[in-house]
Amino acid sequence: NKIEDDELGDYDFEAGFQARLQKEGGRSGVQVKAAKRSAESVSRGVTKSVQSSAKQSKQTLSLLSSSEWYLTVGFLALVVVLAVGTHFASTEPFETSTSGEQLGFGVR
């Protein structure tokens, strides 16, 4: 311990700091590196926050279970099939009036 205390007592901290500052690219180099680290840290924090929020909102906003979703889509498909089937099964033309006359929309 005595040897370490003597070595620290003889060490020129100012000169060591200046040498490290020059090695790192001077004052502006150190500032750029610090800004880069800060931006990377903020970026990581925002990315984690967005991912966490998206995951949480997906879990909490799920309005239908998968079986309920398939039932809803199946019902929609049934309505479309019935509508198309009814149209083609009809013996009367699509454009008829209540008196039975065929309407001619777009014809002069």
Protein backbone atom coordinates (compact mmCIF):
# COMPACT_ATOMS: atom_id res chain seq x y z
CA ASN A 1 0.00 0.00 0.00
CA LYS A 2 2.83 2.37 0.81
CA ILE A 3 4.34 1.88 -2.65
CA GLU A 4 0.99 2.56 -4.35
CA ASP A 5 0.48 5.73 -2.32
CA ASP A 6 3.96 6.97 -3.31
CA GLU A 7 3.28 6.21 -7.00
CA LEU A 8 -0.05 8.05 -6.90
CA GLY A 9 1.59 10.95 -5.12
CA ASP A 10 4.19 11.26 -7.88
CA TYR A 11 1.71 10.90 -10.76
CA ASP A 12 0.92 14.07 -12.69
CA PHE A 13 -2.83 13.82 -13.21
CA GLU A 14 -3.02 16.98 -15.34
CA ALA A 15 -0.36 15.69 -17.76
CA GLY A 16 -2.11 12.29 -17.89
CA PHE A 17 -5.41 13.98 -18.67
CA GLN A 18 -3.86 16.12 -21.40
CA ALA A 19 -2.19 13.05 -22.97
CA ARG A 20 -5.49 11.14 -22.93
CA LEU A 21 -7.31 14.14 -24.36
CA GLN A 22 -4.86 14.33 -27.27
CA LYS A 23 -5.12 10.56 -27.81
CA GLU A 24 -8.93 10.83 -28.02
CA GLY A 25 -8.79 13.56 -30.67
CA GLY A 26 -8.77 16.70 -28.57
CA ARG A 27 -11.68 18.44 -26.94
CA SER A 28 -13.96 18.23 -29.98
CA GLY A 29 -13.17 14.52 -30.41
CA VAL A 30 -14.18 13.81 -26.84
CA GLN A 31 -17.36 15.88 -27.25
CA VAL A 32 -18.29 14.03 -30.45
CA LYS A 33 -17.73 10.65 -28.79
CA ALA A 34 -19.81 11.71 -25.78
CA ALA A 35 -22.63 12.93 -28.03
CA LYS A 36 -22.49 9.68 -30.00
CA ARG A 37 -22.73 7.59 -26.82
CA SER A 38 -25.62 9.72 -25.59
CA ALA A 39 -27.49 9.39 -28.91
CA GLU A 40 -26.96 5.62 -28.96
CA SER A 41 -28.22 5.36 -25.40
CA VAL A 42 -31.34 7.39 -26.18
CA SER A 43 -31.92 5.39 -29.36
CA ARG A 44 -31.71 2.08 -27.47
CA GLY A 45 -34.06 3.40 -24.80
CA VAL A 46 -36.63 4.59 -27.33
CA THR A 47 -36.43 1.34 -29.29
CA LYS A 48 -36.95 -0.74 -26.15
CA SER A 49 -39.82 1.50 -25.07
CA VAL A 50 -41.57 1.24 -28.44
CA GLN A 51 -41.13 -2.53 -28.57
CA SER A 52 -42.43 -2.89 -25.04
CA SER A 53 -45.43 -0.64 -25.73
CA ALA A 54 -46.26 -2.47 -28.96
CA LYS A 55 -46.10 -5.85 -27.24
CA GLN A 56 -48.22 -4.65 -24.34
CA SER A 57 -50.82 -2.97 -26.57
CA LYS A 58 -51.08 -6.10 -28.70
CA GLN A 59 -51.83 -8.11 -25.58
CA THR A 60 -54.31 -5.64 -24.08
CA LEU A 61 -56.10 -4.57 -27.27
CA SER A 62 -56.84 -8.04 -28.56
CA LEU A 63 -60.62 -7.73 -28.93
CA LEU A 64 -61.27 -11.22 -30.25
CA SER A 65 -59.68 -14.55 -29.53
CA SER A 66 -58.49 -16.51 -32.55
CA SER A 67 -61.60 -18.73 -32.54
CA GLU A 68 -63.88 -15.68 -32.37
CA TRP A 69 -61.93 -14.09 -35.23
CA TYR A 70 -62.33 -17.20 -37.42
CA LEU A 71 -66.06 -17.26 -36.61
CA THR A 72 -66.40 -13.60 -37.65
CA VAL A 73 -64.52 -14.14 -40.92
CA GLY A 74 -66.59 -17.27 -41.62
CA PHE A 75 -69.82 -15.33 -41.07
CA LEU A 76 -68.64 -12.60 -43.45
CA ALA A 77 -67.79 -15.22 -46.09
CA LEU A 78 -71.25 -16.77 -45.66
CA VAL A 79 -72.94 -13.38 -46.21
CA VAL A 80 -70.92 -12.79 -49.39
CA VAL A 81 -71.70 -16.28 -50.73
CA LEU A 82 -75.42 -15.85 -50.00
CA ALA A 83 -75.51 -12.43 -51.69
CA VAL A 84 -73.77 -13.65 -54.84
CA GLY A 85 -75.81 -16.89 -54.89
CA THR A 86 -79.09 -15.00 -54.53
CA HIS A 87 -78.16 -12.71 -57.40
CA PHE A 88 -77.41 -15.57 -59.80
CA ALA A 89 -80.38 -17.68 -58.63
CA SER A 90 -82.83 -14.87 -59.33
CA THR A 91 -84.96 -15.39 -62.51
CA GLU A 92 -85.78 -11.72 -62.91
CA PRO A 93 -83.30 -9.21 -64.34
CA PHE A 94 -81.43 -7.29 -61.72
CA GLU A 95 -82.77 -3.89 -62.71
CA THR A 96 -86.57 -4.11 -62.55
CA SER A 97 -89.14 -1.70 -61.23
CA THR A 98 -91.92 -2.62 -58.80
CA SER A 99 -94.28 -2.98 -61.78
CA GLY A 100 -91.94 -5.55 -63.38
CA GLU A 101 -90.52 -3.36 -66.12
CA GLN A 102 -86.83 -3.66 -66.81
CA LEU A 103 -85.01 -0.49 -65.91
CA GLY A 104 -82.40 0.87 -68.23
CA PHE A 105 -80.01 2.87 -66.10
CA GLY A 106 -77.48 4.69 -68.25
CA VAL A 107 -79.45 4.03 -71.47
CA ARG A 108 -81.07 6.90 -73.39
